[in-house]
Amino acid sequence: METIHSNDYRMYILVNQDIKISKGKLAGQVGHAVMSYLYNRIIQPLQEGKECENITDYMNNDQKKIILKCPQTKLEELETETDWIVIRDLGYTQLEPNTLTCINCGILTKEDVPDWIKELKLYN
């Protein structure tokens, strides 16, 4: 029997499509994006006594993550124009230091996602 949720929250992560990166390295970068989001947007605010919206619904609603390809130029633009979580690699293995690998847009409903993100392709 399917559970019906009030909101269908998803975490959107945009991955730099213009860099060569192994699947394992990509998984690590997406992991950094998820953990950085949780720490900066959930844990720290809770420690400061602030309320965090939609995390309970997200955690109780399959914890969907949408991983999308995005051009580096767009990611660089977003880095300066938004407060989304930006991940840059330290350069210990495959990438040059400070390579922009991905941006976590946060937890959103499909209705709240900007139209331009809806046009990006899934990373596969």
Protein backbone atom coordinates (compact mmCIF):
# COMPACT_ATOMS: atom_id res chain seq x y z
CA MET A 1 0.00 0.00 0.00
CA GLU A 2 1.42 3.37 -1.03
CA THR A 3 1.85 6.04 1.61
CA ILE A 4 0.60 9.47 0.59
CA HIS A 5 2.74 12.37 1.76
CA SER A 6 1.65 15.98 2.07
CA ASN A 7 4.73 17.23 0.20
CA ASP A 8 7.00 15.40 -2.20
CA TYR A 9 10.39 16.83 -1.24
CA ARG A 10 13.53 16.10 -3.24
CA MET A 11 17.15 17.17 -2.83
CA TYR A 12 18.55 18.64 -6.05
CA ILE A 13 22.27 18.37 -6.73
CA LEU A 14 23.81 19.89 -9.86
CA VAL A 15 27.02 18.20 -11.05
CA ASN A 16 29.65 19.86 -13.21
CA GLN A 17 29.26 18.22 -16.62
CA ASP A 18 32.45 19.81 -17.97
CA ILE A 19 34.97 17.88 -15.86
CA LYS A 20 36.22 14.30 -16.21
CA ILE A 21 35.47 12.46 -13.00
CA SER A 22 35.16 8.77 -12.10
CA LYS A 23 31.89 7.42 -10.74
CA GLY A 24 33.51 6.83 -7.36
CA LYS A 25 34.86 10.38 -7.18
CA LEU A 26 31.46 11.71 -8.26
CA ALA A 27 29.77 9.69 -5.51
CA GLY A 28 32.17 11.23 -3.00
CA GLN A 29 31.46 14.77 -4.23
CA VAL A 30 27.69 14.22 -4.06
CA GLY A 31 28.23 12.82 -0.55
CA HIS A 32 30.06 16.02 0.38
CA ALA A 33 27.15 18.04 -1.02
CA VAL A 34 24.60 16.10 1.03
CA MET A 35 26.61 16.24 4.27
CA SER A 36 27.46 19.93 3.83
CA TYR A 37 23.79 20.70 3.30
CA LEU A 38 22.75 18.74 6.38
CA TYR A 39 25.39 20.37 8.53
CA ASN A 40 24.98 23.95 7.31
CA ARG A 41 21.21 24.00 6.81
CA ILE A 42 19.97 21.58 9.48
CA ILE A 43 22.45 20.82 12.26
CA GLN A 44 23.91 24.31 12.79
CA PRO A 45 20.49 26.06 12.74
CA LEU A 46 19.10 23.49 15.21
CA GLN A 47 22.09 24.09 17.50
CA GLU A 48 21.25 27.79 17.38
CA GLY A 49 17.63 27.07 18.33
CA LYS A 50 16.25 27.79 14.86
CA GLU A 51 13.58 25.71 13.18
CA CYS A 52 14.41 23.76 10.03
CA GLU A 53 11.67 23.43 7.47
CA ASN A 54 10.87 20.29 5.50
CA ILE A 55 13.63 18.00 6.81
CA THR A 56 11.19 15.69 8.61
CA ASP A 57 8.96 15.42 5.54
CA TYR A 58 12.04 14.80 3.39
CA MET A 59 13.38 12.09 5.70
CA ASN A 60 9.97 10.41 5.87
CA ASN A 61 9.40 10.62 2.11
CA ASP A 62 12.03 8.30 0.56
CA GLN A 63 14.87 10.90 0.77
CA LYS A 64 14.87 11.40 -3.01
CA LYS A 65 17.97 12.92 -4.57
CA ILE A 66 17.88 14.29 -8.10
CA ILE A 67 21.39 14.45 -9.60
CA LEU A 68 21.55 16.63 -12.72
CA LYS A 69 24.26 17.62 -15.22
CA CYS A 70 24.97 21.33 -15.32
CA PRO A 71 27.53 23.39 -17.29
CA GLN A 72 30.42 24.78 -15.25
CA THR A 73 29.62 28.34 -16.34
CA LYS A 74 26.13 28.03 -14.85
CA LEU A 75 27.53 26.54 -11.63
CA GLU A 76 29.99 29.43 -11.34
CA GLU A 77 27.12 31.89 -11.83
CA LEU A 78 25.07 30.13 -9.15
CA GLU A 79 28.02 30.17 -6.76
CA THR A 80 27.99 33.98 -6.76
CA GLU A 81 24.22 34.52 -7.03
CA THR A 82 22.75 32.00 -4.58
CA ASP A 83 23.38 30.72 -1.08
CA TRP A 84 23.24 27.10 -2.22
CA ILE A 85 25.89 24.67 -0.98
CA VAL A 86 28.94 24.74 -3.28
CA ILE A 87 31.45 21.89 -3.36
CA ARG A 88 35.00 22.44 -4.60
CA ASP A 89 37.48 19.57 -4.60
CA LEU A 90 40.69 19.83 -2.58
CA GLY A 91 42.67 18.25 -5.42
CA TYR A 92 44.19 15.28 -3.60
CA THR A 93 43.40 12.72 -6.32
CA GLN A 94 41.79 13.18 -9.76
CA LEU A 95 41.04 16.89 -9.95
CA GLU A 96 42.97 20.12 -9.72
CA PRO A 97 42.64 21.90 -6.35
CA ASN A 98 39.54 24.10 -6.08
CA THR A 99 37.69 22.42 -8.98
CA LEU A 100 33.96 23.20 -8.77
CA THR A 101 32.31 19.77 -8.74
CA CYS A 102 28.70 20.28 -7.66
CA ILE A 103 26.10 22.48 -6.02
CA ASN A 104 23.35 21.31 -3.68
CA CYS A 105 20.23 23.41 -4.34
CA GLY A 106 18.57 22.05 -1.23
CA ILE A 107 15.33 20.26 -0.49
CA LEU A 108 12.49 21.44 -2.70
CA THR A 109 9.13 20.27 -3.98
CA LYS A 110 8.84 19.78 -7.74
CA GLU A 111 6.69 22.94 -7.82
CA ASP A 112 9.42 25.03 -6.14
CA VAL A 113 12.19 24.02 -8.54
CA PRO A 114 13.19 26.80 -10.96
CA ASP A 115 12.12 26.07 -14.54
CA TRP A 116 15.69 26.09 -15.87
CA ILE A 117 16.61 23.24 -13.51
CA LYS A 118 13.71 21.18 -14.85
CA GLU A 119 15.37 21.34 -18.27
CA LEU A 120 18.68 19.82 -17.11
CA LYS A 121 19.41 16.15 -17.84
CA LEU A 122 19.80 13.46 -15.20
CA TYR A 123 23.35 12.36 -14.49
CA ASN A 124 23.68 8.70 -15.44
